[in-house]
Amino acid sequence: TPNLDQLAGEGRRLTNLRVNPTCSPTRASLFSGTDHHLA
């Protein structure tokens, strides 16, 4: 994965990034900026 590795090297690794347990709940929080149970 040289491209993502280089991106990480040029930037910052977010080592404690917390998402939701599955896909669409994560997307709901990403778009709305709030909890997926509300969104």
Full PDB file with SEQRES, HELIX, SHEET, SSBOND, CRYST1, ORIGX, SCALE, CONECT and MASTER records, all heavy atoms in Angstrom:
SEQRES   1 A   39  THR PRO ASN LEU ASP GLN LEU ALA GLY GLU GLY ARG ARG          
SEQRES   2 A   39  LEU THR ASN LEU ARG VAL ASN PRO THR CYS SER PRO THR          
SEQRES   3 A   39  ARG ALA SER LEU PHE SER GLY THR ASP HIS HIS LEU ALA          
HELIX    1 AA1 PRO A    2  GLU A   10  1                                   9    
HELIX    2 AA2 CYS A   23  SER A   32  1                                  10    
CRYST1    1.000    1.000    1.000  90.00  90.00  90.00 P 1           1          
ORIGX1      1.000000  0.000000  0.000000        0.00000                         
ORIGX2      0.000000  1.000000  0.000000        0.00000                         
ORIGX3      0.000000  0.000000  1.000000        0.00000                         
SCALE1      1.000000  0.000000  0.000000        0.00000                         
SCALE2      0.000000  1.000000  0.000000        0.00000                         
SCALE3      0.000000  0.000000  1.000000        0.00000                         
ATOM      1  N   THR A   1       0.842  -1.205   0.000  1.00  0.00           N  
ATOM      2  CA  THR A   1       0.000   0.000   0.000  1.00  0.00           C  
ATOM      3  C   THR A   1       0.881   1.260   0.000  1.00  0.00           C  
ATOM      4  O   THR A   1       0.811   2.080   0.918  1.00  0.00           O  
ATOM      5  CB  THR A   1      -0.948   0.015   1.218  1.00  0.00           C  
ATOM      6  OG1 THR A   1      -0.162  -0.117   2.431  1.00  0.00           O  
ATOM      7  CG2 THR A   1      -1.940  -1.134   1.145  1.00  0.00           C  
ATOM      8  N   PRO A   2       1.697   1.449  -1.024  1.00  0.00           N  
ATOM      9  CA  PRO A   2       2.661   2.558  -0.998  1.00  0.00           C  
ATOM     10  C   PRO A   2       2.018   3.938  -1.001  1.00  0.00           C  
ATOM     11  O   PRO A   2       2.570   4.885  -0.430  1.00  0.00           O  
ATOM     12  CB  PRO A   2       3.490   2.331  -2.268  1.00  0.00           C  
ATOM     13  CG  PRO A   2       2.592   1.538  -3.175  1.00  0.00           C  
ATOM     14  CD  PRO A   2       1.821   0.640  -2.266  1.00  0.00           C  
ATOM     15  N   ASN A   3       0.880   4.082  -1.651  1.00  0.00           N  
ATOM     16  CA  ASN A   3       0.269   5.409  -1.742  1.00  0.00           C  
ATOM     17  C   ASN A   3      -0.324   5.857  -0.409  1.00  0.00           C  
ATOM     18  O   ASN A   3      -0.119   7.008   0.013  1.00  0.00           O  
ATOM     19  CB  ASN A   3      -0.804   5.398  -2.835  1.00  0.00           C  
ATOM     20  CG  ASN A   3      -0.203   5.128  -4.199  1.00  0.00           C  
ATOM     21  OD1 ASN A   3       0.564   5.921  -4.722  1.00  0.00           O  
ATOM     22  ND2 ASN A   3      -0.527   3.968  -4.764  1.00  0.00           N  
ATOM     23  N   LEU A   4      -1.039   4.968   0.258  1.00  0.00           N  
ATOM     24  CA  LEU A   4      -1.572   5.314   1.574  1.00  0.00           C  
ATOM     25  C   LEU A   4      -0.460   5.428   2.603  1.00  0.00           C  
ATOM     26  O   LEU A   4      -0.518   6.270   3.505  1.00  0.00           O  
ATOM     27  CB  LEU A   4      -2.621   4.290   1.997  1.00  0.00           C  
ATOM     28  CG  LEU A   4      -3.962   4.440   1.265  1.00  0.00           C  
ATOM     29  CD1 LEU A   4      -4.821   3.196   1.419  1.00  0.00           C  
ATOM     30  CD2 LEU A   4      -4.714   5.680   1.747  1.00  0.00           C  
ATOM     31  N   ASP A   5       0.571   4.616   2.481  1.00  0.00           N  
ATOM     32  CA  ASP A   5       1.708   4.727   3.393  1.00  0.00           C  
ATOM     33  C   ASP A   5       2.402   6.080   3.225  1.00  0.00           C  
ATOM     34  O   ASP A   5       2.787   6.724   4.212  1.00  0.00           O  
ATOM     35  CB  ASP A   5       2.704   3.592   3.145  1.00  0.00           C  
ATOM     36  CG  ASP A   5       2.131   2.213   3.456  1.00  0.00           C  
ATOM     37  OD1 ASP A   5       1.065   2.151   4.100  1.00  0.00           O  
ATOM     38  OD2 ASP A   5       2.739   1.221   3.030  1.00  0.00           O  
ATOM     39  N   GLN A   6       2.556   6.517   1.979  1.00  0.00           N  
ATOM     40  CA  GLN A   6       3.173   7.822   1.745  1.00  0.00           C  
ATOM     41  C   GLN A   6       2.283   8.942   2.273  1.00  0.00           C  
ATOM     42  O   GLN A   6       2.776   9.924   2.859  1.00  0.00           O  
ATOM     43  CB  GLN A   6       3.443   8.028   0.259  1.00  0.00           C  
ATOM     44  CG  GLN A   6       4.104   9.373  -0.048  1.00  0.00           C  
ATOM     45  CD  GLN A   6       4.455   9.538  -1.512  1.00  0.00           C  
ATOM     46  OE1 GLN A   6       4.472   8.571  -2.267  1.00  0.00           O  
ATOM     47  NE2 GLN A   6       4.741  10.763  -1.923  1.00  0.00           N  
ATOM     48  N   LEU A   7       0.964   8.797   2.075  1.00  0.00           N  
ATOM     49  CA  LEU A   7       0.035   9.796   2.593  1.00  0.00           C  
ATOM     50  C   LEU A   7       0.161   9.904   4.110  1.00  0.00           C  
ATOM     51  O   LEU A   7       0.180  11.007   4.677  1.00  0.00           O  
ATOM     52  CB  LEU A   7      -1.393   9.431   2.194  1.00  0.00           C  
ATOM     53  CG  LEU A   7      -2.463  10.485   2.464  1.00  0.00           C  
ATOM     54  CD1 LEU A   7      -2.320  11.657   1.508  1.00  0.00           C  
ATOM     55  CD2 LEU A   7      -3.861   9.865   2.353  1.00  0.00           C  
ATOM     56  N   ALA A   8       0.266   8.764   4.777  1.00  0.00           N  
ATOM     57  CA  ALA A   8       0.438   8.763   6.230  1.00  0.00           C  
ATOM     58  C   ALA A   8       1.760   9.411   6.621  1.00  0.00           C  
ATOM     59  O   ALA A   8       1.846  10.131   7.627  1.00  0.00           O  
ATOM     60  CB  ALA A   8       0.361   7.335   6.765  1.00  0.00           C  
ATOM     61  N   GLY A   9       2.794   9.154   5.833  1.00  0.00           N  
ATOM     62  CA  GLY A   9       4.089   9.738   6.122  1.00  0.00           C  
ATOM     63  C   GLY A   9       4.121  11.248   5.945  1.00  0.00           C  
ATOM     64  O   GLY A   9       4.828  11.954   6.665  1.00  0.00           O  
ATOM     65  N   GLU A  10       3.330  11.757   4.992  1.00  0.00           N  
ATOM     66  CA  GLU A  10       3.252  13.194   4.763  1.00  0.00           C  
ATOM     67  C   GLU A  10       2.298  13.877   5.737  1.00  0.00           C  
ATOM     68  O   GLU A  10       2.361  15.104   5.910  1.00  0.00           O  
ATOM     69  CB  GLU A  10       2.776  13.473   3.337  1.00  0.00           C  
ATOM     70  CG  GLU A  10       3.738  13.054   2.250  1.00  0.00           C  
ATOM     71  CD  GLU A  10       3.190  13.328   0.860  1.00  0.00           C  
ATOM     72  OE1 GLU A  10       2.057  13.852   0.767  1.00  0.00           O  
ATOM     73  OE2 GLU A  10       3.880  13.012  -0.120  1.00  0.00           O  
ATOM     74  N   GLY A  11       1.390  13.089   6.321  1.00  0.00           N  
ATOM     75  CA  GLY A  11       0.373  13.660   7.185  1.00  0.00           C  
ATOM     76  C   GLY A  11       0.489  13.163   8.612  1.00  0.00           C  
ATOM     77  O   GLY A  11       1.590  12.979   9.142  1.00  0.00           O  
ATOM     78  N   ARG A  12      -0.646  12.947   9.252  1.00  0.00           N  
ATOM     79  CA  ARG A  12      -0.700  12.418  10.612  1.00  0.00           C  
ATOM     80  C   ARG A  12      -1.563  11.166  10.604  1.00  0.00           C  
ATOM     81  O   ARG A  12      -2.639  11.134   9.986  1.00  0.00           O  
ATOM     82  CB  ARG A  12      -1.327  13.433  11.575  1.00  0.00           C  
ATOM     83  CG  ARG A  12      -0.611  14.766  11.671  1.00  0.00           C  
ATOM     84  CD  ARG A  12       0.643  14.740  12.501  1.00  0.00           C  
ATOM     85  NE  ARG A  12       0.456  14.338  13.883  1.00  0.00           N  
ATOM     86  CZ  ARG A  12       0.072  15.158  14.883  1.00  0.00           C  
ATOM     87  NH1 ARG A  12      -0.220  16.426  14.621  1.00  0.00           N  
ATOM     88  NH2 ARG A  12      -0.037  14.702  16.119  1.00  0.00           N  
ATOM     89  N   ARG A  13      -1.107  10.143  11.290  1.00  0.00           N  
ATOM     90  CA  ARG A  13      -1.929   8.958  11.502  1.00  0.00           C  
ATOM     91  C   ARG A  13      -2.855   9.198  12.685  1.00  0.00           C  
ATOM     92  O   ARG A  13      -2.388   9.501  13.785  1.00  0.00           O  
ATOM     93  CB  ARG A  13      -1.055   7.733  11.758  1.00  0.00           C  
ATOM     94  CG  ARG A  13      -0.461   7.124  10.529  1.00  0.00           C  
ATOM     95  CD  ARG A  13       0.321   5.876  10.825  1.00  0.00           C  
ATOM     96  NE  ARG A  13       1.434   6.131  11.740  1.00  0.00           N  
ATOM     97  CZ  ARG A  13       2.395   5.264  12.022  1.00  0.00           C  
ATOM     98  NH1 ARG A  13       2.372   4.065  11.476  1.00  0.00           N  
ATOM     99  NH2 ARG A  13       3.371   5.568  12.847  1.00  0.00           N  
ATOM    100  N   LEU A  14      -4.141   9.070  12.453  1.00  0.00           N  
ATOM    101  CA  LEU A  14      -5.133   9.157  13.534  1.00  0.00           C  
ATOM    102  C   LEU A  14      -5.258   7.760  14.121  1.00  0.00           C  
ATOM    103  O   LEU A  14      -6.007   6.917  13.630  1.00  0.00           O  
ATOM    104  CB  LEU A  14      -6.463   9.663  12.989  1.00  0.00           C  
ATOM    105  CG  LEU A  14      -6.415  10.985  12.219  1.00  0.00           C  
ATOM    106  CD1 LEU A  14      -7.796  11.334  11.664  1.00  0.00           C  
ATOM    107  CD2 LEU A  14      -5.883  12.120  13.088  1.00  0.00           C  
ATOM    108  N   THR A  15      -4.520   7.483  15.171  1.00  0.00           N  
ATOM    109  CA  THR A  15      -4.410   6.117  15.687  1.00  0.00           C  
ATOM    110  C   THR A  15      -5.555   5.736  16.608  1.00  0.00           C  
ATOM    111  O   THR A  15      -5.679   4.580  16.981  1.00  0.00           O  
ATOM    112  CB  THR A  15      -3.081   5.937  16.439  1.00  0.00           C  
ATOM    113  OG1 THR A  15      -3.040   6.833  17.553  1.00  0.00           O  
ATOM    114  CG2 THR A  15      -1.901   6.213  15.519  1.00  0.00           C  
ATOM    115  N   ASN A  16      -6.379   6.716  16.993  1.00  0.00           N  
ATOM    116  CA  ASN A  16      -7.498   6.429  17.888  1.00  0.00           C  
ATOM    117  C   ASN A  16      -8.788   6.945  17.267  1.00  0.00           C  
ATOM    118  O   ASN A  16      -9.621   7.545  17.943  1.00  0.00           O  
ATOM    119  CB  ASN A  16      -7.261   7.068  19.254  1.00  0.00           C  
ATOM    120  CG  ASN A  16      -7.965   6.318  20.372  1.00  0.00           C  
ATOM    121  OD1 ASN A  16      -8.841   5.483  20.127  1.00  0.00           O  
ATOM    122  ND2 ASN A  16      -7.611   6.624  21.606  1.00  0.00           N  
ATOM    123  N   LEU A  17      -8.941   6.701  15.960  1.00  0.00           N  
ATOM    124  CA  LEU A  17     -10.155   7.089  15.243  1.00  0.00           C  
ATOM    125  C   LEU A  17     -11.236   6.055  15.503  1.00  0.00           C  
ATOM    126  O   LEU A  17     -11.072   4.874  15.215  1.00  0.00           O  
ATOM    127  CB  LEU A  17      -9.872   7.199  13.748  1.00  0.00           C  
ATOM    128  CG  LEU A  17     -11.073   7.464  12.842  1.00  0.00           C  
ATOM    129  CD1 LEU A  17     -11.772   8.770  13.212  1.00  0.00           C  
ATOM    130  CD2 LEU A  17     -10.648   7.481  11.381  1.00  0.00           C  
ATOM    131  N   ARG A  18     -12.365   6.526  16.020  1.00  0.00           N  
ATOM    132  CA  ARG A  18     -13.449   5.639  16.426  1.00  0.00           C  
ATOM    133  C   ARG A  18     -14.629   5.801  15.474  1.00  0.00           C  
ATOM    134  O   ARG A  18     -15.158   6.910  15.283  1.00  0.00           O  
ATOM    135  CB  ARG A  18     -13.869   5.921  17.872  1.00  0.00           C  
ATOM    136  CG  ARG A  18     -12.680   5.995  18.821  1.00  0.00           C  
ATOM    137  CD  ARG A  18     -13.088   6.006  20.260  1.00  0.00           C  
ATOM    138  NE  ARG A  18     -13.626   4.718  20.664  1.00  0.00           N  
ATOM    139  CZ  ARG A  18     -12.888   3.661  20.968  1.00  0.00           C  
ATOM    140  NH1 ARG A  18     -11.573   3.718  20.884  1.00  0.00           N  
ATOM    141  NH2 ARG A  18     -13.451   2.532  21.338  1.00  0.00           N  
ATOM    142  N   VAL A  19     -15.036   4.693  14.880  1.00  0.00           N  
ATOM    143  CA  VAL A  19     -16.178   4.660  13.981  1.00  0.00           C  
ATOM    144  C   VAL A  19     -17.283   3.850  14.645  1.00  0.00           C  
ATOM    145  O   VAL A  19     -17.166   3.443  15.806  1.00  0.00           O  
ATOM    146  CB  VAL A  19     -15.766   4.066  12.615  1.00  0.00           C  
ATOM    147  CG1 VAL A  19     -14.815   5.012  11.901  1.00  0.00           C  
ATOM    148  CG2 VAL A  19     -15.117   2.692  12.765  1.00  0.00           C  
ATOM    149  N   ASN A  20     -18.367   3.600  13.934  1.00  0.00           N  
ATOM    150  CA  ASN A  20     -19.442   2.783  14.471  1.00  0.00           C  
ATOM    151  C   ASN A  20     -19.251   1.331  14.025  1.00  0.00           C  
ATOM    152  O   ASN A  20     -18.469   1.063  13.112  1.00  0.00           O  
ATOM    153  CB  ASN A  20     -20.791   3.345  14.035  1.00  0.00           C  
ATOM    154  CG  ASN A  20     -20.994   4.760  14.554  1.00  0.00           C  
ATOM    155  OD1 ASN A  20     -20.487   5.116  15.624  1.00  0.00           O  
ATOM    156  ND2 ASN A  20     -21.712   5.583  13.809  1.00  0.00           N  
ATOM    157  N   PRO A  21     -19.944   0.371  14.652  1.00  0.00           N  
ATOM    158  CA  PRO A  21     -19.620  -1.041  14.407  1.00  0.00           C  
ATOM    159  C   PRO A  21     -19.892  -1.551  12.998  1.00  0.00           C  
ATOM    160  O   PRO A  21     -19.336  -2.576  12.605  1.00  0.00           O  
ATOM    161  CB  PRO A  21     -20.479  -1.790  15.437  1.00  0.00           C  
ATOM    162  CG  PRO A  21     -20.694  -0.805  16.539  1.00  0.00           C  
ATOM    163  CD  PRO A  21     -20.834   0.510  15.829  1.00  0.00           C  
ATOM    164  N   THR A  22     -20.771  -0.890  12.239  1.00  0.00           N  
ATOM    165  CA  THR A  22     -20.997  -1.289  10.846  1.00  0.00           C  
ATOM    166  C   THR A  22     -21.122  -0.057   9.955  1.00  0.00           C  
ATOM    167  O   THR A  22     -21.123   1.081  10.415  1.00  0.00           O  
ATOM    168  CB  THR A  22     -22.246  -2.178  10.666  1.00  0.00           C  
ATOM    169  OG1 THR A  22     -23.409  -1.429  11.007  1.00  0.00           O  
ATOM    170  CG2 THR A  22     -22.171  -3.440  11.501  1.00  0.00           C  
ATOM    171  N   CYS A  23     -21.319  -0.338   8.677  1.00  0.00           N  
ATOM    172  CA  CYS A  23     -21.132   0.634   7.603  1.00  0.00           C  
ATOM    173  C   CYS A  23     -22.108   1.803   7.605  1.00  0.00           C  
ATOM    174  O   CYS A  23     -21.699   2.963   7.699  1.00  0.00           O  
ATOM    175  CB  CYS A  23     -21.190  -0.100   6.274  1.00  0.00           C  
ATOM    176  SG  CYS A  23     -22.566  -1.294   6.168  1.00  0.00           S  
ATOM    177  N   SER A  24     -23.407   1.554   7.443  1.00  0.00           N  
ATOM    178  CA  SER A  24     -24.353   2.660   7.305  1.00  0.00           C  
ATOM    179  C   SER A  24     -24.483   3.498   8.581  1.00  0.00           C  
ATOM    180  O   SER A  24     -24.625   4.722   8.481  1.00  0.00           O  
ATOM    181  CB  SER A  24     -25.720   2.161   6.824  1.00  0.00           C  
ATOM    182  OG  SER A  24     -26.207   1.113   7.626  1.00  0.00           O  
ATOM    183  N   PRO A  25     -24.442   2.922   9.790  1.00  0.00           N  
ATOM    184  CA  PRO A  25     -24.405   3.786  10.976  1.00  0.00           C  
ATOM    185  C   PRO A  25     -23.199   4.721  10.991  1.00  0.00           C  
ATOM    186  O   PRO A  25     -23.315   5.890  11.387  1.00  0.00           O  
ATOM    187  CB  PRO A  25     -24.376   2.784  12.132  1.00  0.00           C  
ATOM    188  CG  PRO A  25     -25.099   1.587  11.601  1.00  0.00           C  
ATOM    189  CD  PRO A  25     -24.657   1.501  10.165  1.00  0.00           C  
ATOM    190  N   THR A  26     -22.040   4.232  10.543  1.00  0.00           N  
ATOM    191  CA  THR A  26     -20.877   5.117  10.452  1.00  0.00           C  
ATOM    192  C   THR A  26     -21.130   6.244   9.467  1.00  0.00           C  
ATOM    193  O   THR A  26     -20.827   7.415   9.733  1.00  0.00           O  
ATOM    194  CB  THR A  26     -19.630   4.312  10.041  1.00  0.00           C  
ATOM    195  OG1 THR A  26     -19.212   3.502  11.148  1.00  0.00           O  
ATOM    196  CG2 THR A  26     -18.480   5.228   9.639  1.00  0.00           C  
ATOM    197  N   ARG A  27     -21.682   5.918   8.313  1.00  0.00           N  
ATOM    198  CA  ARG A  27     -21.960   6.950   7.318  1.00  0.00           C  
ATOM    199  C   ARG A  27     -22.967   7.973   7.828  1.00  0.00           C  
ATOM    200  O   ARG A  27     -22.871   9.168   7.527  1.00  0.00           O  
ATOM    201  CB  ARG A  27     -22.450   6.298   6.027  1.00  0.00           C  
ATOM    202  CG  ARG A  27     -21.331   5.627   5.235  1.00  0.00           C  
ATOM    203  CD  ARG A  27     -21.854   4.667   4.179  1.00  0.00           C  
ATOM    204  NE  ARG A  27     -20.800   4.239   3.274  1.00  0.00           N  
ATOM    205  CZ  ARG A  27     -19.862   3.336   3.571  1.00  0.00           C  
ATOM    206  NH1 ARG A  27     -19.863   2.766   4.770  1.00  0.00           N  
ATOM    207  NH2 ARG A  27     -18.929   3.005   2.694  1.00  0.00           N  
ATOM    208  N   ALA A  28     -23.958   7.528   8.594  1.00  0.00           N  
ATOM    209  CA  ALA A  28     -24.939   8.456   9.155  1.00  0.00           C  
ATOM    210  C   ALA A  28     -24.271   9.460  10.091  1.00  0.00           C  
ATOM    211  O   ALA A  28     -24.558  10.664  10.037  1.00  0.00           O  
ATOM    212  CB  ALA A  28     -26.032   7.686   9.886  1.00  0.00           C  
ATOM    213  N   SER A  29     -23.370   8.990  10.933  1.00  0.00           N  
ATOM    214  CA  SER A  29     -22.660   9.904  11.834  1.00  0.00           C  
ATOM    215  C   SER A  29     -21.711  10.811  11.078  1.00  0.00           C  
ATOM    216  O   SER A  29     -21.543  11.986  11.415  1.00  0.00           O  
ATOM    217  CB  SER A  29     -21.881   9.099  12.886  1.00  0.00           C  
ATOM    218  OG  SER A  29     -22.751   8.415  13.753  1.00  0.00           O  
ATOM    219  N   LEU A  30     -21.080  10.278  10.041  1.00  0.00           N  
ATOM    220  CA  LEU A  30     -20.149  11.065   9.238  1.00  0.00           C  
ATOM    221  C   LEU A  30     -20.870  12.245   8.580  1.00  0.00           C  
ATOM    222  O   LEU A  30     -20.397  13.376   8.619  1.00  0.00           O  
ATOM    223  CB  LEU A  30     -19.513  10.157   8.184  1.00  0.00           C  
ATOM    224  CG  LEU A  30     -18.355  10.683   7.339  1.00  0.00           C  
ATOM    225  CD1 LEU A  30     -17.573   9.507   6.762  1.00  0.00           C  
ATOM    226  CD2 LEU A  30     -18.822  11.577   6.207  1.00  0.00           C  
ATOM    227  N   PHE A  31     -22.023  11.971   7.967  1.00  0.00           N  
ATOM    228  CA  PHE A  31     -22.736  13.024   7.254  1.00  0.00           C  
ATOM    229  C   PHE A  31     -23.393  14.017   8.202  1.00  0.00           C  
ATOM    230  O   PHE A  31     -23.401  15.218   7.945  1.00  0.00           O  
ATOM    231  CB  PHE A  31     -23.798  12.415   6.336  1.00  0.00           C  
ATOM    232  CG  PHE A  31     -23.276  12.051   4.987  1.00  0.00           C  
ATOM    233  CD1 PHE A  31     -22.715  10.808   4.750  1.00  0.00           C  
ATOM    234  CD2 PHE A  31     -23.322  12.954   3.944  1.00  0.00           C  
ATOM    235  CE1 PHE A  31     -22.209  10.469   3.507  1.00  0.00           C  
ATOM    236  CE2 PHE A  31     -22.820  12.630   2.690  1.00  0.00           C  
ATOM    237  CZ  PHE A  31     -22.261  11.379   2.475  1.00  0.00           C  
ATOM    238  N   SER A  32     -23.967  13.529   9.291  1.00  0.00           N  
ATOM    239  CA  SER A  32     -24.770  14.386  10.170  1.00  0.00           C  
ATOM    240  C   SER A  32     -23.961  15.061  11.256  1.00  0.00           C  
ATOM    241  O   SER A  32     -24.400  16.072  11.820  1.00  0.00           O  
ATOM    242  CB  SER A  32     -25.875  13.551  10.830  1.00  0.00           C  
ATOM    243  OG  SER A  32     -25.311  12.608  11.739  1.00  0.00           O  
ATOM    244  N   GLY A  33     -22.800  14.496  11.598  1.00  0.00           N  
ATOM    245  CA  GLY A  33     -22.023  15.034  12.700  1.00  0.00           C  
ATOM    246  C   GLY A  33     -22.604  14.732  14.060  1.00  0.00           C  
ATOM    247  O   GLY A  33     -22.235  15.362  15.065  1.00  0.00           O  
ATOM    248  N   THR A  34     -23.491  13.729  14.130  1.00  0.00           N  
ATOM    249  CA  THR A  34     -24.092  13.387  15.405  1.00  0.00           C  
ATOM    250  C   THR A  34     -24.298  11.881  15.509  1.00  0.00           C  
ATOM    251  O   THR A  34     -23.892  11.109  14.631  1.00  0.00           O  
ATOM    252  CB  THR A  34     -25.420  14.145  15.606  1.00  0.00           C  
ATOM    253  OG1 THR A  34     -25.814  14.064  16.981  1.00  0.00           O  
ATOM    254  CG2 THR A  34     -26.534  13.591  14.729  1.00  0.00           C  
ATOM    255  N   ASP A  35     -24.929  11.431  16.571  1.00  0.00           N  
ATOM    256  CA  ASP A  35     -25.082  10.007  16.837  1.00  0.00           C  
ATOM    257  C   ASP A  35     -26.028   9.352  15.832  1.00  0.00           C  
ATOM    258  O   ASP A  35     -27.064   9.919  15.466  1.00  0.00           O  
ATOM    259  CB  ASP A  35     -25.614   9.803  18.258  1.00  0.00           C  
ATOM    260  CG  ASP A  35     -25.529   8.364  18.699  1.00  0.00           C  
ATOM    261  OD1 ASP A  35     -26.472   7.593  18.417  1.00  0.00           O  
ATOM    262  OD2 ASP A  35     -24.515   7.983  19.309  1.00  0.00           O  
ATOM    263  N   HIS A  36     -25.674   8.145  15.411  1.00  0.00           N  
ATOM    264  CA  HIS A  36     -26.467   7.459  14.387  1.00  0.00           C  
ATOM    265  C   HIS A  36     -27.848   7.068  14.874  1.00  0.00           C  
ATOM    266  O   HIS A  36     -28.769   6.895  14.069  1.00  0.00           O  
ATOM    267  CB  HIS A  36     -25.713   6.238  13.857  1.00  0.00           C  
ATOM    268  CG  HIS A  36     -25.435   5.165  14.865  1.00  0.00           C  
ATOM    269  ND1 HIS A  36     -26.195   4.024  14.969  1.00  0.00           N  
ATOM    270  CD2 HIS A  36     -24.463   5.042  15.807  1.00  0.00           C  
ATOM    271  CE1 HIS A  36     -25.706   3.236  15.918  1.00  0.00           C  
ATOM    272  NE2 HIS A  36     -24.657   3.834  16.445  1.00  0.00           N  
ATOM    273  N   HIS A  37     -28.049   6.929  16.198  1.00  0.00           N  
ATOM    274  CA  HIS A  37     -29.385   6.619  16.717  1.00  0.00           C  
ATOM    275  C   HIS A  37     -30.351   7.785  16.521  1.00  0.00           C  
ATOM    276  O   HIS A  37     -31.567   7.592  16.466  1.00  0.00           O  
ATOM    277  CB  HIS A  37     -29.315   6.278  18.202  1.00  0.00           C  
ATOM    278  CG  HIS A  37     -28.579   5.014  18.502  1.00  0.00           C  
ATOM    279  ND1 HIS A  37     -27.223   4.989  18.743  1.00  0.00           N  
ATOM    280  CD2 HIS A  37     -28.995   3.727  18.591  1.00  0.00           C  
ATOM    281  CE1 HIS A  37     -26.836   3.753  18.978  1.00  0.00           C  
ATOM    282  NE2 HIS A  37     -27.889   2.962  18.874  1.00  0.00           N  
ATOM    283  N   LEU A  38     -29.824   8.992  16.460  1.00  0.00           N  
ATOM    284  CA  LEU A  38     -30.651  10.157  16.182  1.00  0.00           C  
ATOM    285  C   LEU A  38     -30.853  10.369  14.692  1.00  0.00           C  
ATOM    286  O   LEU A  38     -31.921  10.790  14.249  1.00  0.00           O  
ATOM    287  CB  LEU A  38     -29.997  11.408  16.782  1.00  0.00           C  
ATOM    288  CG  LEU A  38     -29.869  11.455  18.304  1.00  0.00           C  
ATOM    289  CD1 LEU A  38     -29.008  12.638  18.717  1.00  0.00           C  
ATOM    290  CD2 LEU A  38     -31.243  11.531  18.966  1.00  0.00           C  
ATOM    291  N   ALA A  39     -29.821  10.053  13.909  1.00  0.00           N  
ATOM    292  CA  ALA A  39     -29.790  10.421  12.491  1.00  0.00           C  
ATOM    293  C   ALA A  39     -30.529   9.454  11.578  1.00  0.00           C  
ATOM    294  O   ALA A  39     -30.599   9.690  10.373  1.00  0.00           O  
ATOM    295  CB  ALA A  39     -28.341  10.556  12.034  1.00  0.00           C  
TER     296      ALA A  39                                                      
MASTER        0    0    0    2    0    0    0    6  295    1    0    3          
END                                                                             
